[in-house]
Amino acid sequence: MPSHQVSPHELWVICQLPEHAAQAQALAERLQQPLKTDIEVALLESPAFVVVFDKHGVSLQQTGRKAPGPIRAEFAEGSVDHRRKFGGGKGQMIAKAVGVKAGVYPKVLDATAGLGKDAFVLATLGCSLQMLERSPVVHALLADGLQRARDISAYEDPELAQIIARMELLAVDSQDYLSQIDDAHRPDVIYLDPMFPDRQKSADVKKEMAAFHHVVGKDEDADSLLEKALAKANYRVVVKRPRKAPFIANKTPSYQLEGKSSRYDIYTIKKLPESLGSAESKPRLE
């Protein structure tokens, strides 16, 4: 490799397939970062992270000899797919927090979508989702994961196709979108899972979260996101937090659901009705 002094904040975009060139170029320009081609990622020692467009899709990869594997948004395989097939249905904490039950399938706005894992769980249970993700890198990963799932499910998995059809990714900023929601388009539930500062014990941070802390940073405006969400949701706002984290904006929720490592703070605006949303696909709620 030629000598190159890499800024700690530099994030190369690497395109290894000509058919992805336009998409990779657009991301590099938006990030104001270099676009590279014909580079062997496995040989890189810097910058710390790169975004790769290759035959497998779009991924975020850490560089270096002992780097963990690539991070992708996956819906047709891995832990997310396993949870779809063998998860706890409406017994899951997130389902209870959002208010999912037989006959009640809220329309949810996930304003901090990340890789779409929580949105996918809710879509699996019958909710319709609009997703916002302001990080250009994470948005690219999520858009790619959704498209690959559409391509696979169209031929191989009709149930997955129905789930993905309930997930809509919007290319707008969370703050701007929340500000512009009018009364006729209020979501039933607004879901927030803002980035939290690094934990003291870095060994406890999963590779995805460690990468996101480095590339994305934390959500400094979580307080105002909550305030806007409370003004725009029809029935409730649900905030996912680390179990011992303080309340966002020091605002005490109506009630909480607590697990081993995380919790859900539920801010109720009014009671959910006994029937809500469409159950045309009759999702399994066991």
Protein backbone atom coordinates (compact mmCIF):
# COMPACT_ATOMS: atom_id res chain seq x y z
CA MET A 1 0.00 0.00 0.00
CA PRO A 2 1.25 3.51 -0.65
CA SER A 3 1.97 5.58 2.44
CA HIS A 4 -1.11 7.56 3.39
CA GLN A 5 -1.75 9.50 6.57
CA VAL A 6 -5.33 8.59 7.38
CA SER A 7 -7.45 10.83 9.55
CA PRO A 8 -9.10 8.98 12.48
CA HIS A 9 -12.41 10.19 11.06
CA GLU A 10 -11.73 9.07 7.50
CA LEU A 11 -14.08 6.44 6.14
CA TRP A 12 -13.30 5.11 2.70
CA VAL A 13 -16.06 3.92 0.40
CA ILE A 14 -14.81 0.94 -1.61
CA CYS A 15 -16.63 -0.21 -4.74
CA GLN A 16 -15.70 -3.65 -6.07
CA LEU A 17 -18.46 -4.05 -8.67
CA PRO A 18 -19.07 -1.66 -11.59
CA GLU A 19 -22.85 -1.99 -11.24
CA HIS A 20 -22.63 -0.38 -7.78
CA ALA A 21 -20.45 2.53 -8.95
CA ALA A 22 -23.16 5.19 -9.03
CA GLN A 23 -24.51 4.25 -5.59
CA ALA A 24 -21.01 4.12 -4.09
CA GLN A 25 -20.09 7.45 -5.67
CA ALA A 26 -23.22 9.09 -4.29
CA LEU A 27 -22.47 7.85 -0.76
CA ALA A 28 -18.83 8.94 -0.95
CA GLU A 29 -19.88 12.42 -2.07
CA ARG A 30 -22.47 12.70 0.68
CA LEU A 31 -19.91 11.64 3.27
CA GLN A 32 -17.20 13.80 1.64
CA GLN A 33 -14.95 10.78 1.81
CA PRO A 34 -12.69 9.05 -0.74
CA LEU A 35 -14.10 6.51 -3.18
CA LYS A 36 -11.70 3.64 -3.84
CA THR A 37 -11.69 0.77 -6.31
CA ASP A 38 -9.49 -2.27 -6.82
CA ILE A 39 -8.50 -2.43 -3.14
CA GLU A 40 -8.18 -5.67 -1.18
CA VAL A 41 -10.00 -4.92 2.06
CA ALA A 42 -8.30 -7.77 3.94
CA LEU A 43 -4.92 -6.06 3.47
CA LEU A 44 -5.99 -2.69 4.85
CA GLU A 45 -4.77 -1.48 8.23
CA SER A 46 -6.38 1.96 7.93
CA PRO A 47 -8.68 3.80 7.99
CA ALA A 48 -10.35 2.10 10.95
CA PHE A 49 -13.56 1.41 9.00
CA VAL A 50 -14.57 1.18 5.35
CA VAL A 51 -17.92 0.87 3.56
CA VAL A 52 -17.75 -1.86 0.92
CA PHE A 53 -19.99 -2.39 -2.10
CA ASP A 54 -19.39 -5.93 -3.38
CA LYS A 55 -21.20 -9.05 -4.63
CA HIS A 56 -22.68 -9.60 -1.17
CA GLY A 57 -24.23 -6.13 -0.99
CA VAL A 58 -23.21 -3.18 1.19
CA SER A 59 -21.25 -3.66 4.40
CA LEU A 60 -19.41 -1.72 7.06
CA GLN A 61 -16.06 -3.34 7.78
CA GLN A 62 -13.39 -2.74 10.36
CA THR A 63 -9.85 -3.00 9.04
CA GLY A 64 -6.84 -4.75 10.53
CA ARG A 65 -5.68 -8.34 10.94
CA LYS A 66 -7.97 -9.23 13.85
CA ALA A 67 -10.99 -7.26 12.71
CA PRO A 68 -14.42 -8.88 13.13
CA GLY A 69 -16.49 -9.74 10.09
CA PRO A 70 -18.50 -7.28 8.00
CA ILE A 71 -21.69 -5.69 9.32
CA ARG A 72 -24.74 -5.91 7.08
CA ALA A 73 -28.47 -5.51 7.47
CA GLU A 74 -29.79 -9.07 7.21
CA PHE A 75 -33.43 -10.14 7.19
CA ALA A 76 -33.38 -13.44 5.30
CA GLU A 77 -30.80 -15.21 7.45
CA GLY A 78 -28.93 -15.05 10.76
CA SER A 79 -30.27 -14.04 14.16
CA VAL A 80 -33.06 -11.83 12.82
CA ASP A 81 -34.47 -14.61 10.65
CA HIS A 82 -34.15 -17.10 13.53
CA ARG A 83 -36.10 -14.76 15.78
CA ARG A 84 -38.82 -14.48 13.14
CA LYS A 85 -39.23 -18.24 12.99
CA PHE A 86 -38.67 -19.16 16.63
CA GLY A 87 -39.15 -15.92 18.60
CA GLY A 88 -41.60 -15.14 21.35
CA GLY A 89 -44.38 -13.51 19.33
CA LYS A 90 -46.51 -11.06 21.24
CA GLY A 91 -44.78 -12.18 24.45
CA GLN A 92 -41.66 -10.24 23.48
CA MET A 93 -41.06 -7.07 25.47
CA ILE A 94 -40.99 -4.91 22.36
CA ALA A 95 -44.43 -6.20 21.34
CA LYS A 96 -45.86 -5.41 24.78
CA ALA A 97 -44.18 -1.98 24.77
CA VAL A 98 -45.69 -1.03 21.39
CA GLY A 99 -49.06 -2.55 22.31
CA VAL A 100 -49.27 -5.37 19.78
CA LYS A 101 -51.97 -7.95 20.46
CA ALA A 102 -54.60 -9.85 18.48
CA GLY A 103 -56.55 -7.26 16.51
CA VAL A 104 -54.15 -4.43 17.38
CA TYR A 105 -51.34 -3.79 14.89
CA PRO A 106 -50.20 -0.17 15.35
CA LYS A 107 -48.65 1.90 12.61
CA VAL A 108 -45.17 2.58 13.95
CA LEU A 109 -42.69 5.28 13.05
CA ASP A 110 -39.20 4.05 13.96
CA ALA A 111 -37.30 7.33 14.05
CA THR A 112 -33.90 5.73 14.82
CA ALA A 113 -34.05 2.59 12.69
CA GLY A 114 -30.41 1.49 12.69
CA LEU A 115 -30.16 -1.86 10.91
CA GLY A 116 -33.91 -2.35 11.16
CA LYS A 117 -33.90 -5.28 13.61
CA ASP A 118 -36.59 -3.95 15.94
CA ALA A 119 -38.66 -2.71 13.01
CA PHE A 120 -38.47 -6.18 11.47
CA VAL A 121 -39.74 -7.80 14.68
CA LEU A 122 -42.71 -5.43 14.74
CA ALA A 123 -43.41 -5.98 11.03
CA THR A 124 -43.27 -9.73 11.65
CA LEU A 125 -46.02 -9.29 14.24
CA GLY A 126 -48.24 -7.38 11.80
CA CYS A 127 -47.35 -3.72 12.34
CA SER A 128 -46.69 -1.41 9.42
CA LEU A 129 -43.42 0.47 9.78
CA GLN A 130 -41.98 3.71 8.52
CA MET A 131 -38.27 3.90 9.25
CA LEU A 132 -35.97 6.88 9.51
CA GLU A 133 -32.18 6.62 9.69
CA ARG A 134 -30.17 9.80 9.38
CA SER A 135 -26.69 8.26 9.21
CA PRO A 136 -25.87 7.94 5.47
CA VAL A 137 -23.78 4.84 6.17
CA VAL A 138 -26.40 3.02 8.22
CA HIS A 139 -29.14 4.13 5.80
CA ALA A 140 -27.16 2.55 2.94
CA LEU A 141 -26.77 -0.70 4.91
CA LEU A 142 -30.47 -0.82 5.75
CA ALA A 143 -31.63 0.01 2.21
CA ASP A 144 -29.38 -2.73 0.86
CA GLY A 145 -30.63 -5.28 3.39
CA LEU A 146 -34.25 -4.54 2.56
CA GLN A 147 -33.61 -4.83 -1.18
CA ARG A 148 -31.77 -8.14 -0.84
CA ALA A 149 -34.62 -9.46 1.30
CA ARG A 150 -37.13 -8.37 -1.36
CA ASP A 151 -35.12 -10.11 -4.08
CA ILE A 152 -34.84 -13.35 -2.11
CA SER A 153 -38.36 -13.44 -0.72
CA ALA A 154 -40.00 -12.73 -4.07
CA TYR A 155 -39.03 -16.24 -5.17
CA GLU A 156 -38.31 -18.25 -2.05
CA ASP A 157 -40.24 -16.97 0.99
CA PRO A 158 -43.74 -15.48 0.58
CA GLU A 159 -44.09 -14.87 4.33
CA LEU A 160 -40.86 -12.82 4.37
CA ALA A 161 -42.11 -10.90 1.33
CA GLN A 162 -45.24 -9.88 3.26
CA ILE A 163 -43.14 -8.72 6.22
CA ILE A 164 -40.72 -6.66 4.12
CA ALA A 165 -43.69 -5.09 2.31
CA ARG A 166 -44.77 -3.63 5.67
CA MET A 167 -41.38 -1.87 6.08
CA GLU A 168 -40.84 1.51 4.38
CA LEU A 169 -37.49 3.28 4.63
CA LEU A 170 -37.68 7.05 4.16
CA ALA A 171 -34.72 9.17 3.06
CA VAL A 172 -35.37 12.10 5.40
CA ASP A 173 -33.90 13.41 8.64
CA SER A 174 -35.69 12.32 11.80
CA GLN A 175 -35.96 15.80 13.26
CA ASP A 176 -37.27 17.29 10.03
CA TYR A 177 -39.78 14.52 9.45
CA LEU A 178 -41.17 14.67 12.99
CA SER A 179 -41.58 18.43 12.67
CA GLN A 180 -43.55 18.09 9.43
CA ILE A 181 -46.06 15.39 10.46
CA ASP A 182 -49.59 16.80 10.28
CA ASP A 183 -52.66 15.60 12.15
CA ALA A 184 -53.84 13.45 9.26
CA HIS A 185 -50.59 11.45 9.17
CA ARG A 186 -49.79 10.91 12.83
CA PRO A 187 -48.32 7.45 13.52
CA ASP A 188 -50.00 5.36 16.20
CA VAL A 189 -46.69 4.77 17.95
CA ILE A 190 -43.28 6.44 17.63
CA TYR A 191 -40.34 4.24 18.54
CA LEU A 192 -36.95 5.64 19.58
CA ASP A 193 -33.71 3.79 20.24
CA PRO A 194 -31.12 6.58 20.31
CA MET A 195 -27.42 5.85 20.34
CA PHE A 196 -26.04 5.86 23.86
CA PRO A 197 -22.47 6.86 24.84
CA ASP A 198 -19.84 4.10 25.05
CA ARG A 199 -20.10 1.81 28.02
CA GLN A 200 -17.18 1.81 30.42
CA LYS A 201 -16.41 -1.84 29.74
CA SER A 202 -15.68 -1.96 26.03
CA ALA A 203 -15.72 -5.78 26.08
CA ASP A 204 -19.45 -5.59 26.69
CA VAL A 205 -20.06 -3.67 23.48
CA LYS A 206 -21.05 -5.84 20.54
CA LYS A 207 -19.21 -5.35 17.27
CA GLU A 208 -22.13 -3.55 15.66
CA MET A 209 -22.49 -1.09 18.51
CA ALA A 210 -18.73 -0.51 18.68
CA ALA A 211 -18.68 0.24 14.95
CA PHE A 212 -21.67 2.54 15.18
CA HIS A 213 -20.12 4.43 18.09
CA HIS A 214 -17.05 5.04 15.93
CA VAL A 215 -18.77 5.83 12.63
CA VAL A 216 -22.07 7.35 13.73
CA GLY A 217 -21.45 8.68 17.23
CA LYS A 218 -24.19 9.21 19.78
CA ASP A 219 -27.50 11.00 19.28
CA GLU A 220 -26.87 14.36 20.92
CA ASP A 221 -30.42 15.53 20.19
CA ALA A 222 -32.29 12.64 21.83
CA ASP A 223 -34.05 15.07 24.19
CA SER A 224 -35.61 17.06 21.36
CA LEU A 225 -36.44 13.87 19.44
CA LEU A 226 -38.50 12.71 22.41
CA GLU A 227 -40.25 16.05 22.76
CA LYS A 228 -41.22 16.07 19.07
CA ALA A 229 -42.30 12.44 19.21
CA LEU A 230 -44.60 13.13 22.16
CA ALA A 231 -46.23 15.93 20.17
CA LYS A 232 -46.80 13.77 17.07
CA ALA A 233 -47.71 10.23 18.19
CA ASN A 234 -51.36 9.27 18.39
CA TYR A 235 -51.20 6.80 21.27
CA ARG A 236 -47.73 6.35 22.71
CA VAL A 237 -43.99 6.86 22.40
CA VAL A 238 -41.71 3.94 23.20
CA VAL A 239 -38.04 4.53 24.04
CA LYS A 240 -35.54 1.67 24.22
CA ARG A 241 -32.70 2.30 26.68
CA PRO A 242 -29.85 0.46 28.36
CA ARG A 243 -31.31 -0.90 31.61
CA LYS A 244 -29.53 1.54 33.93
CA ALA A 245 -29.50 4.58 31.65
CA PRO A 246 -31.19 7.80 32.77
CA PHE A 247 -34.49 8.89 31.28
CA ILE A 248 -34.22 10.93 28.11
CA ALA A 249 -34.75 14.62 28.88
CA ASN A 250 -35.21 13.58 32.52
CA LYS A 251 -38.82 12.80 31.58
CA THR A 252 -40.36 10.02 33.68
CA PRO A 253 -42.32 7.53 31.52
CA SER A 254 -45.86 6.37 32.22
CA TYR A 255 -44.45 2.92 32.89
CA GLN A 256 -41.48 0.69 32.05
CA LEU A 257 -40.74 -2.84 30.90
CA GLU A 258 -37.32 -4.03 32.02
CA GLY A 259 -35.12 -6.86 30.77
CA LYS A 260 -31.63 -8.05 31.66
CA SER A 261 -29.69 -5.47 29.65
CA SER A 262 -32.28 -3.05 28.29
CA ARG A 263 -35.64 -1.56 29.09
CA TYR A 264 -38.56 0.13 27.37
CA ASP A 265 -39.85 3.47 28.63
CA ILE A 266 -43.47 3.88 27.54
CA TYR A 267 -45.02 7.35 27.37
CA THR A 268 -48.75 6.96 26.93
CA ILE A 269 -50.78 9.72 25.29
CA LYS A 270 -54.12 7.92 25.16
CA LYS A 271 -55.30 4.34 25.36
CA LEU A 272 -54.87 2.11 22.33
CA PRO A 273 -58.21 0.98 20.86
CA GLU A 274 -59.30 -2.67 20.92
CA SER A 275 -58.94 -2.88 17.14
CA LEU A 276 -56.23 -1.10 15.19
CA GLY A 277 -54.39 -1.58 11.93
CA SER A 278 -54.69 -4.20 9.25
CA ALA A 279 -54.26 -7.90 9.92
CA GLU A 280 -54.65 -8.99 6.32
CA SER A 281 -51.67 -11.31 6.62
CA LYS A 282 -52.92 -12.79 9.90
CA PRO A 283 -49.44 -12.80 11.52
CA ARG A 284 -48.68 -15.42 14.07
CA LEU A 285 -48.82 -14.02 17.62
CA GLU A 286 -48.15 -17.18 19.59
